[in-house]
C-alpha atoms as a PDB file:
ATOM      1  CA  UNK A   1      -1.892 -18.468  18.133  1.00  0.00           C
ATOM      2  CA  UNK A   2      -2.325 -15.852  15.424  1.00  0.00           C
ATOM      3  CA  UNK A   3      -0.096 -15.893  12.385  1.00  0.00           C
ATOM      4  CA  UNK A   4       1.717 -12.697  11.444  1.00  0.00           C
ATOM      5  CA  UNK A   5       1.236 -13.111   7.699  1.00  0.00           C
ATOM      6  CA  UNK A   6      -2.480 -12.788   6.816  1.00  0.00           C
ATOM      7  CA  UNK A   7      -4.206  -9.463   6.202  1.00  0.00           C
ATOM      8  CA  UNK A   8      -7.815  -8.566   6.980  1.00  0.00           C
ATOM      9  CA  UNK A   9      -8.954  -9.357   3.454  1.00  0.00           C
ATOM     10  CA  UNK A  10      -7.552 -10.426   0.099  1.00  0.00           C
ATOM     11  CA  UNK A  11      -8.022  -7.042  -1.612  1.00  0.00           C
ATOM     12  CA  UNK A  12      -5.898  -5.239   0.979  1.00  0.00           C
ATOM     13  CA  UNK A  13      -3.227  -7.915   0.727  1.00  0.00           C
ATOM     14  CA  UNK A  14      -3.062  -7.698  -3.072  1.00  0.00           C
ATOM     15  CA  UNK A  15      -2.945  -3.887  -2.908  1.00  0.00           C
ATOM     16  CA  UNK A  16      -0.020  -4.101  -0.481  1.00  0.00           C
ATOM     17  CA  UNK A  17       1.691  -6.496  -2.899  1.00  0.00           C
ATOM     18  CA  UNK A  18       1.237  -4.224  -5.916  1.00  0.00           C
ATOM     19  CA  UNK A  19       2.586  -1.221  -4.026  1.00  0.00           C
ATOM     20  CA  UNK A  20       5.468  -3.243  -2.587  1.00  0.00           C
ATOM     21  CA  UNK A  21       6.469  -4.692  -5.947  1.00  0.00           C
ATOM     22  CA  UNK A  22       6.329  -1.190  -7.437  1.00  0.00           C
ATOM     23  CA  UNK A  23       8.734   0.075  -4.789  1.00  0.00           C
ATOM     24  CA  UNK A  24      10.966  -2.947  -5.389  1.00  0.00           C
ATOM     25  CA  UNK A  25      11.010  -2.289  -9.140  1.00  0.00           C
ATOM     26  CA  UNK A  26      11.948   1.364  -8.564  1.00  0.00           C
ATOM     27  CA  UNK A  27      14.718   0.360  -6.172  1.00  0.00           C
ATOM     28  CA  UNK A  28      16.208  -2.144  -8.607  1.00  0.00           C
ATOM     29  CA  UNK A  29      15.750  -0.017 -11.730  1.00  0.00           C
ATOM     30  CA  UNK A  30      17.246   3.175 -10.330  1.00  0.00           C
ATOM     31  CA  UNK A  31      19.967   1.694  -8.113  1.00  0.00           C
ATOM     32  CA  UNK A  32      22.771   2.704 -10.538  1.00  0.00           C
ATOM     33  CA  UNK A  33      21.390   6.255 -10.735  1.00  0.00           C
ATOM     34  CA  UNK A  34      20.345   6.811  -7.116  1.00  0.00           C
ATOM     35  CA  UNK A  35      23.158   4.943  -5.421  1.00  0.00           C
ATOM     36  CA  UNK A  36      22.544   4.579  -1.692  1.00  0.00           C
ATOM     37  CA  UNK A  37      19.241   6.447  -2.015  1.00  0.00           C
ATOM     38  CA  UNK A  38      17.827   3.347  -3.726  1.00  0.00           C
ATOM     39  CA  UNK A  39      17.620   1.825  -0.246  1.00  0.00           C
ATOM     40  CA  UNK A  40      14.671   4.116   0.564  1.00  0.00           C
ATOM     41  CA  UNK A  41      12.243   2.495  -1.918  1.00  0.00           C
ATOM     42  CA  UNK A  42      13.811  -0.874  -1.037  1.00  0.00           C
ATOM     43  CA  UNK A  43      12.900  -0.465   2.626  1.00  0.00           C
ATOM     44  CA  UNK A  44       9.426   0.765   1.642  1.00  0.00           C
ATOM     45  CA  UNK A  45       9.026  -2.400  -0.437  1.00  0.00           C
ATOM     46  CA  UNK A  46       9.973  -4.585   2.537  1.00  0.00           C
ATOM     47  CA  UNK A  47       7.466  -2.776   4.748  1.00  0.00           C
ATOM     48  CA  UNK A  48       4.631  -3.070   2.190  1.00  0.00           C
ATOM     49  CA  UNK A  49       5.347  -6.728   1.450  1.00  0.00           C
ATOM     50  CA  UNK A  50       5.755  -7.611   5.114  1.00  0.00           C
ATOM     51  CA  UNK A  51       9.232  -8.976   4.423  1.00  0.00           C
ATOM     52  CA  UNK A  52      10.478 -10.644   1.279  1.00  0.00           C
ATOM     53  CA  UNK A  53       8.200 -11.440  -1.698  1.00  0.00           C
ATOM     54  CA  UNK A  54       7.956 -15.057  -0.469  1.00  0.00           C
ATOM     55  CA  UNK A  55       6.562 -13.796   2.854  1.00  0.00           C
ATOM     56  CA  UNK A  56       3.937 -11.890   0.879  1.00  0.00           C
ATOM     57  CA  UNK A  57       2.961 -15.062  -1.017  1.00  0.00           C
ATOM     58  CA  UNK A  58       2.682 -17.030   2.244  1.00  0.00           C
ATOM     59  CA  UNK A  59       0.527 -14.219   3.621  1.00  0.00           C
ATOM     60  CA  UNK A  60      -1.717 -14.317   0.551  1.00  0.00           C
ATOM     61  CA  UNK A  61      -2.273 -18.043   0.983  1.00  0.00           C
ATOM     62  CA  UNK A  62      -2.908 -17.585   4.718  1.00  0.00           C
ATOM     63  CA  UNK A  63      -5.373 -14.763   4.000  1.00  0.00           C
ATOM     64  CA  UNK A  64      -7.299 -16.903   1.514  1.00  0.00           C
ATOM     65  CA  UNK A  65      -7.375 -19.863   3.909  1.00  0.00           C
ATOM     66  CA  UNK A  66      -8.424 -17.636   6.809  1.00  0.00           C
ATOM     67  CA  UNK A  67     -11.307 -16.295   4.717  1.00  0.00           C
ATOM     68  CA  UNK A  68     -12.491 -19.823   3.925  1.00  0.00           C
ATOM     69  CA  UNK A  69     -12.087 -21.355   7.380  1.00  0.00           C
ATOM     70  CA  UNK A  70     -12.368 -18.340   9.666  1.00  0.00           C
ATOM     71  CA  UNK A  71      -9.768 -17.122  12.134  1.00  0.00           C
ATOM     72  CA  UNK A  72      -7.557 -19.781  13.699  1.00  0.00           C
ATOM     73  CA  UNK A  73      -8.212 -18.644  17.255  1.00  0.00           C
ATOM     74  CA  UNK A  74     -11.994 -18.394  17.058  1.00  0.00           C
ATOM     75  CA  UNK A  75     -13.791 -19.590  20.154  1.00  0.00           C
ATOM     76  CA  UNK A  76     -16.672 -21.874  19.399  1.00  0.00           C
ATOM     77  CA  UNK A  77     -19.427 -21.768  21.961  1.00  0.00           C
ATOM     78  CA  UNK A  78     -22.024 -24.422  22.531  1.00  0.00           C
ATOM     79  CA  UNK A  79     -25.452 -22.807  22.385  1.00  0.00           C
ATOM     80  CA  UNK A  80     -27.401 -25.976  23.023  1.00  0.00           C
ATOM     81  CA  UNK A  81     -29.257 -26.090  26.303  1.00  0.00           C
ATOM     82  CA  UNK A  82     -29.195 -29.863  26.766  1.00  0.00           C
ATOM     83  CA  UNK A  83     -27.895 -29.611  30.339  1.00  0.00           C
ATOM     84  CA  UNK A  84     -31.102 -28.122  31.787  1.00  0.00           C
END
């Protein structure tokens, strides 16, 4: 079963986090000025982060572990020909 959190590589995941946190900062900073329009960068932040910031952190850890151990659903084949 494949997890929904990890990205293809760590660099992409960190880039998504930087962009998402930027959108989140804009949404929080300009909420008094923009009013309801502050929801637009807030939704963009949720899309970039893949949910809340904690989901992004879980995804970062899963991406690092996936890189070290390989994908969880990898099929290992036996290439030995001992059964001849």
